[in-house]
Amino acid sequence: MELPWLRWWDSEGNLLTTSEERLAQESQKIEQERLRAEKLAEKLRAMGIDPEE
């Protein structure tokens, strides 16, 4: 059975995230950073620089 959950708001009116929501946000940030690092490594390789060294 699924029931609605009580959600909490801070004193400034911001919805407080659940642990699942925070985990999803962190996973998304990690993926964005991985893609950014991959793109930068590709640019370095194009310039003849090995990013692993």
PDB file of N, CA and C in Angstrom:
ATOM      1  N   MET A   1       0.838  -1.167   0.000  1.00  0.00           N
ATOM      2  CA  MET A   1       0.000   0.000   0.000  1.00  0.00           C
ATOM      3  C   MET A   1       0.893   1.244   0.000  1.00  0.00           C
ATOM      4  N   GLU A   2       0.555   2.202  -0.820  1.00  0.00           N
ATOM      5  CA  GLU A   2       1.301   3.464  -0.854  1.00  0.00           C
ATOM      6  C   GLU A   2       0.447   4.570  -0.253  1.00  0.00           C
ATOM      7  N   LEU A   3       1.062   5.324   0.632  1.00  0.00           N
ATOM      8  CA  LEU A   3       0.378   6.441   1.270  1.00  0.00           C
ATOM      9  C   LEU A   3       1.166   7.712   1.025  1.00  0.00           C
ATOM     10  N   PRO A   4       0.497   8.857   1.022  1.00  0.00           N
ATOM     11  CA  PRO A   4       1.238  10.121   0.844  1.00  0.00           C
ATOM     12  C   PRO A   4       2.130  10.400   2.052  1.00  0.00           C
ATOM     13  N   TRP A   5       3.284  11.011   1.770  1.00  0.00           N
ATOM     14  CA  TRP A   5       4.232  11.349   2.829  1.00  0.00           C
ATOM     15  C   TRP A   5       4.092  12.822   3.188  1.00  0.00           C
ATOM     16  N   LEU A   6       4.295  13.099   4.437  1.00  0.00           N
ATOM     17  CA  LEU A   6       4.330  14.473   4.892  1.00  0.00           C
ATOM     18  C   LEU A   6       5.648  15.081   4.431  1.00  0.00           C
ATOM     19  N   ARG A   7       5.603  16.246   3.794  1.00  0.00           N
ATOM     20  CA  ARG A   7       6.827  16.909   3.325  1.00  0.00           C
ATOM     21  C   ARG A   7       7.117  18.105   4.227  1.00  0.00           C
ATOM     22  N   TRP A   8       8.402  18.381   4.412  1.00  0.00           N
ATOM     23  CA  TRP A   8       8.826  19.454   5.292  1.00  0.00           C
ATOM     24  C   TRP A   8       9.384  20.612   4.493  1.00  0.00           C
ATOM     25  N   TRP A   9       9.160  21.814   4.975  1.00  0.00           N
ATOM     26  CA  TRP A   9       9.637  23.050   4.366  1.00  0.00           C
ATOM     27  C   TRP A   9      10.448  23.800   5.409  1.00  0.00           C
ATOM     28  N   ASP A  10      11.489  24.507   4.961  1.00  0.00           N
ATOM     29  CA  ASP A  10      12.262  25.287   5.929  1.00  0.00           C
ATOM     30  C   ASP A  10      11.596  26.645   6.149  1.00  0.00           C
ATOM     31  N   SER A  11      12.189  27.455   7.007  1.00  0.00           N
ATOM     32  CA  SER A  11      11.585  28.741   7.363  1.00  0.00           C
ATOM     33  C   SER A  11      11.558  29.724   6.194  1.00  0.00           C
ATOM     34  N   GLU A  12      12.340  29.449   5.139  1.00  0.00           N
ATOM     35  CA  GLU A  12      12.348  30.325   3.967  1.00  0.00           C
ATOM     36  C   GLU A  12      11.423  29.822   2.860  1.00  0.00           C
ATOM     37  N   GLY A  13      10.707  28.748   3.129  1.00  0.00           N
ATOM     38  CA  GLY A  13       9.751  28.225   2.165  1.00  0.00           C
ATOM     39  C   GLY A  13      10.332  27.236   1.172  1.00  0.00           C
ATOM     40  N   ASN A  14      11.542  26.720   1.435  1.00  0.00           N
ATOM     41  CA  ASN A  14      12.172  25.751   0.546  1.00  0.00           C
ATOM     42  C   ASN A  14      11.793  24.337   0.966  1.00  0.00           C
ATOM     43  N   LEU A  15      11.398  23.531  -0.005  1.00  0.00           N
ATOM     44  CA  LEU A  15      11.061  22.143   0.262  1.00  0.00           C
ATOM     45  C   LEU A  15      12.321  21.380   0.623  1.00  0.00           C
ATOM     46  N   LEU A  16      12.296  20.667   1.730  1.00  0.00           N
ATOM     47  CA  LEU A  16      13.434  19.856   2.137  1.00  0.00           C
ATOM     48  C   LEU A  16      13.391  18.546   1.356  1.00  0.00           C
ATOM     49  N   THR A  17      14.527  18.164   0.802  1.00  0.00           N
ATOM     50  CA  THR A  17      14.579  16.971  -0.033  1.00  0.00           C
ATOM     51  C   THR A  17      14.651  15.704   0.811  1.00  0.00           C
ATOM     52  N   THR A  18      14.159  14.632   0.221  1.00  0.00           N
ATOM     53  CA  THR A  18      14.257  13.328   0.872  1.00  0.00           C
ATOM     54  C   THR A  18      15.636  12.751   0.576  1.00  0.00           C
ATOM     55  N   SER A  19      15.996  11.688   1.264  1.00  0.00           N
ATOM     56  CA  SER A  19      17.298  11.067   1.019  1.00  0.00           C
ATOM     57  C   SER A  19      17.373  10.528  -0.412  1.00  0.00           C
ATOM     58  N   GLU A  20      16.276  10.015  -0.937  1.00  0.00           N
ATOM     59  CA  GLU A  20      16.260   9.529  -2.324  1.00  0.00           C
ATOM     60  C   GLU A  20      16.479  10.669  -3.303  1.00  0.00           C
ATOM     61  N   GLU A  21      15.856  11.810  -3.047  1.00  0.00           N
ATOM     62  CA  GLU A  21      16.024  12.972  -3.921  1.00  0.00           C
ATOM     63  C   GLU A  21      17.463  13.492  -3.867  1.00  0.00           C
ATOM     64  N   ARG A  22      18.046  13.515  -2.680  1.00  0.00           N
ATOM     65  CA  ARG A  22      19.438  13.966  -2.546  1.00  0.00           C
ATOM     66  C   ARG A  22      20.377  13.019  -3.269  1.00  0.00           C
ATOM     67  N   LEU A  23      20.129  11.717  -3.159  1.00  0.00           N
ATOM     68  CA  LEU A  23      20.948  10.727  -3.845  1.00  0.00           C
ATOM     69  C   LEU A  23      20.859  10.913  -5.362  1.00  0.00           C
ATOM     70  N   ALA A  24      19.659  11.144  -5.871  1.00  0.00           N
ATOM     71  CA  ALA A  24      19.478  11.359  -7.308  1.00  0.00           C
ATOM     72  C   ALA A  24      20.203  12.633  -7.751  1.00  0.00           C
ATOM     73  N   GLN A  25      20.133  13.690  -6.959  1.00  0.00           N
ATOM     74  CA  GLN A  25      20.824  14.941  -7.285  1.00  0.00           C
ATOM     75  C   GLN A  25      22.330  14.742  -7.312  1.00  0.00           C
ATOM     76  N   GLU A  26      22.859  14.030  -6.319  1.00  0.00           N
ATOM     77  CA  GLU A  26      24.299  13.784  -6.261  1.00  0.00           C
ATOM     78  C   GLU A  26      24.755  12.913  -7.432  1.00  0.00           C
ATOM     79  N   SER A  27      23.954  11.922  -7.786  1.00  0.00           N
ATOM     80  CA  SER A  27      24.284  11.066  -8.928  1.00  0.00           C
ATOM     81  C   SER A  27      24.335  11.881 -10.205  1.00  0.00           C
ATOM     82  N   GLN A  28      23.396  12.800 -10.360  1.00  0.00           N
ATOM     83  CA  GLN A  28      23.365  13.654 -11.544  1.00  0.00           C
ATOM     84  C   GLN A  28      24.595  14.565 -11.581  1.00  0.00           C
ATOM     85  N   LYS A  29      24.978  15.127 -10.439  1.00  0.00           N
ATOM     86  CA  LYS A  29      26.164  15.987 -10.382  1.00  0.00           C
ATOM     87  C   LYS A  29      27.425  15.192 -10.742  1.00  0.00           C
ATOM     88  N   ILE A  30      27.515  13.976 -10.221  1.00  0.00           N
ATOM     89  CA  ILE A  30      28.683  13.138 -10.510  1.00  0.00           C
ATOM     90  C   ILE A  30      28.765  12.839 -12.002  1.00  0.00           C
ATOM     91  N   GLU A  31      27.639  12.525 -12.612  1.00  0.00           N
ATOM     92  CA  GLU A  31      27.624  12.238 -14.048  1.00  0.00           C
ATOM     93  C   GLU A  31      28.007  13.475 -14.861  1.00  0.00           C
ATOM     94  N   GLN A  32      27.521  14.641 -14.472  1.00  0.00           N
ATOM     95  CA  GLN A  32      27.874  15.879 -15.166  1.00  0.00           C
ATOM     96  C   GLN A  32      29.372  16.142 -15.066  1.00  0.00           C
ATOM     97  N   GLU A  33      29.946  15.935 -13.893  1.00  0.00           N
ATOM     98  CA  GLU A  33      31.383  16.135 -13.713  1.00  0.00           C
ATOM     99  C   GLU A  33      32.194  15.124 -14.516  1.00  0.00           C
ATOM    100  N   ARG A  34      31.706  13.885 -14.586  1.00  0.00           N
ATOM    101  CA  ARG A  34      32.392  12.863 -15.384  1.00  0.00           C
ATOM    102  C   ARG A  34      32.404  13.251 -16.858  1.00  0.00           C
ATOM    103  N   LEU A  35      31.264  13.730 -17.359  1.00  0.00           N
ATOM    104  CA  LEU A  35      31.196  14.152 -18.754  1.00  0.00           C
ATOM    105  C   LEU A  35      32.093  15.361 -19.020  1.00  0.00           C
ATOM    106  N   ARG A  36      32.137  16.276 -18.054  1.00  0.00           N
ATOM    107  CA  ARG A  36      32.993  17.466 -18.195  1.00  0.00           C
ATOM    108  C   ARG A  36      34.466  17.048 -18.249  1.00  0.00           C
ATOM    109  N   ALA A  37      34.857  16.143 -17.367  1.00  0.00           N
ATOM    110  CA  ALA A  37      36.243  15.664 -17.343  1.00  0.00           C
ATOM    111  C   ALA A  37      36.582  14.931 -18.636  1.00  0.00           C
ATOM    112  N   GLU A  38      35.656  14.160 -19.138  1.00  0.00           N
ATOM    113  CA  GLU A  38      35.873  13.436 -20.390  1.00  0.00           C
ATOM    114  C   GLU A  38      36.066  14.406 -21.556  1.00  0.00           C
ATOM    115  N   LYS A  39      35.256  15.448 -21.581  1.00  0.00           N
ATOM    116  CA  LYS A  39      35.360  16.451 -22.653  1.00  0.00           C
ATOM    117  C   LYS A  39      36.705  17.181 -22.572  1.00  0.00           C
ATOM    118  N   LEU A  40      37.128  17.536 -21.362  1.00  0.00           N
ATOM    119  CA  LEU A  40      38.414  18.215 -21.194  1.00  0.00           C
ATOM    120  C   LEU A  40      39.573  17.301 -21.603  1.00  0.00           C
ATOM    121  N   ALA A  41      39.480  16.013 -21.277  1.00  0.00           N
ATOM    122  CA  ALA A  41      40.519  15.057 -21.656  1.00  0.00           C
ATOM    123  C   ALA A  41      40.599  14.946 -23.180  1.00  0.00           C
ATOM    124  N   GLU A  42      39.453  14.943 -23.856  1.00  0.00           N
ATOM    125  CA  GLU A  42      39.436  14.897 -25.317  1.00  0.00           C
ATOM    126  C   GLU A  42      40.120  16.126 -25.914  1.00  0.00           C
ATOM    127  N   LYS A  43      39.864  17.296 -25.337  1.00  0.00           N
ATOM    128  CA  LYS A  43      40.495  18.522 -25.831  1.00  0.00           C
ATOM    129  C   LYS A  43      42.012  18.469 -25.643  1.00  0.00           C
ATOM    130  N   LEU A  44      42.446  17.961 -24.483  1.00  0.00           N
ATOM    131  CA  LEU A  44      43.878  17.841 -24.243  1.00  0.00           C
ATOM    132  C   LEU A  44      44.526  16.879 -25.236  1.00  0.00           C
ATOM    133  N   ARG A  45      43.869  15.756 -25.493  1.00  0.00           N
ATOM    134  CA  ARG A  45      44.405  14.795 -26.466  1.00  0.00           C
ATOM    135  C   ARG A  45      44.502  15.421 -27.850  1.00  0.00           C
ATOM    136  N   ALA A  46      43.519  16.229 -28.224  1.00  0.00           N
ATOM    137  CA  ALA A  46      43.539  16.911 -29.515  1.00  0.00           C
ATOM    138  C   ALA A  46      44.714  17.880 -29.608  1.00  0.00           C
ATOM    139  N   MET A  47      45.163  18.385 -28.461  1.00  0.00           N
ATOM    140  CA  MET A  47      46.307  19.296 -28.423  1.00  0.00           C
ATOM    141  C   MET A  47      47.625  18.534 -28.295  1.00  0.00           C
ATOM    142  N   GLY A  48      47.550  17.201 -28.265  1.00  0.00           N
ATOM    143  CA  GLY A  48      48.740  16.396 -28.146  1.00  0.00           C
ATOM    144  C   GLY A  48      49.222  16.182 -26.719  1.00  0.00           C
ATOM    145  N   ILE A  49      48.380  16.415 -25.769  1.00  0.00           N
ATOM    146  CA  ILE A  49      48.727  16.264 -24.355  1.00  0.00           C
ATOM    147  C   ILE A  49      47.990  15.042 -23.807  1.00  0.00           C
ATOM    148  N   ASP A  50      48.732  14.169 -23.140  1.00  0.00           N
ATOM    149  CA  ASP A  50      48.131  13.004 -22.519  1.00  0.00           C
ATOM    150  C   ASP A  50      47.639  13.385 -21.133  1.00  0.00           C
ATOM    151  N   PRO A  51      46.319  13.422 -20.891  1.00  0.00           N
ATOM    152  CA  PRO A  51      45.795  13.848 -19.591  1.00  0.00           C
ATOM    153  C   PRO A  51      46.118  12.869 -18.457  1.00  0.00           C
ATOM    154  N   GLU A  52      46.564  11.673 -18.776  1.00  0.00           N
ATOM    155  CA  GLU A  52      46.865  10.674 -17.757  1.00  0.00           C
ATOM    156  C   GLU A  52      48.257  10.879 -17.156  1.00  0.00           C
ATOM    157  N   GLU A  53      49.075  11.694 -17.804  1.00  0.00           N
ATOM    158  CA  GLU A  53      50.442  11.909 -17.303  1.00  0.00           C
ATOM    159  C   GLU A  53      50.495  13.091 -16.362  1.00  0.00           C
TER     160      GLU A  53
END
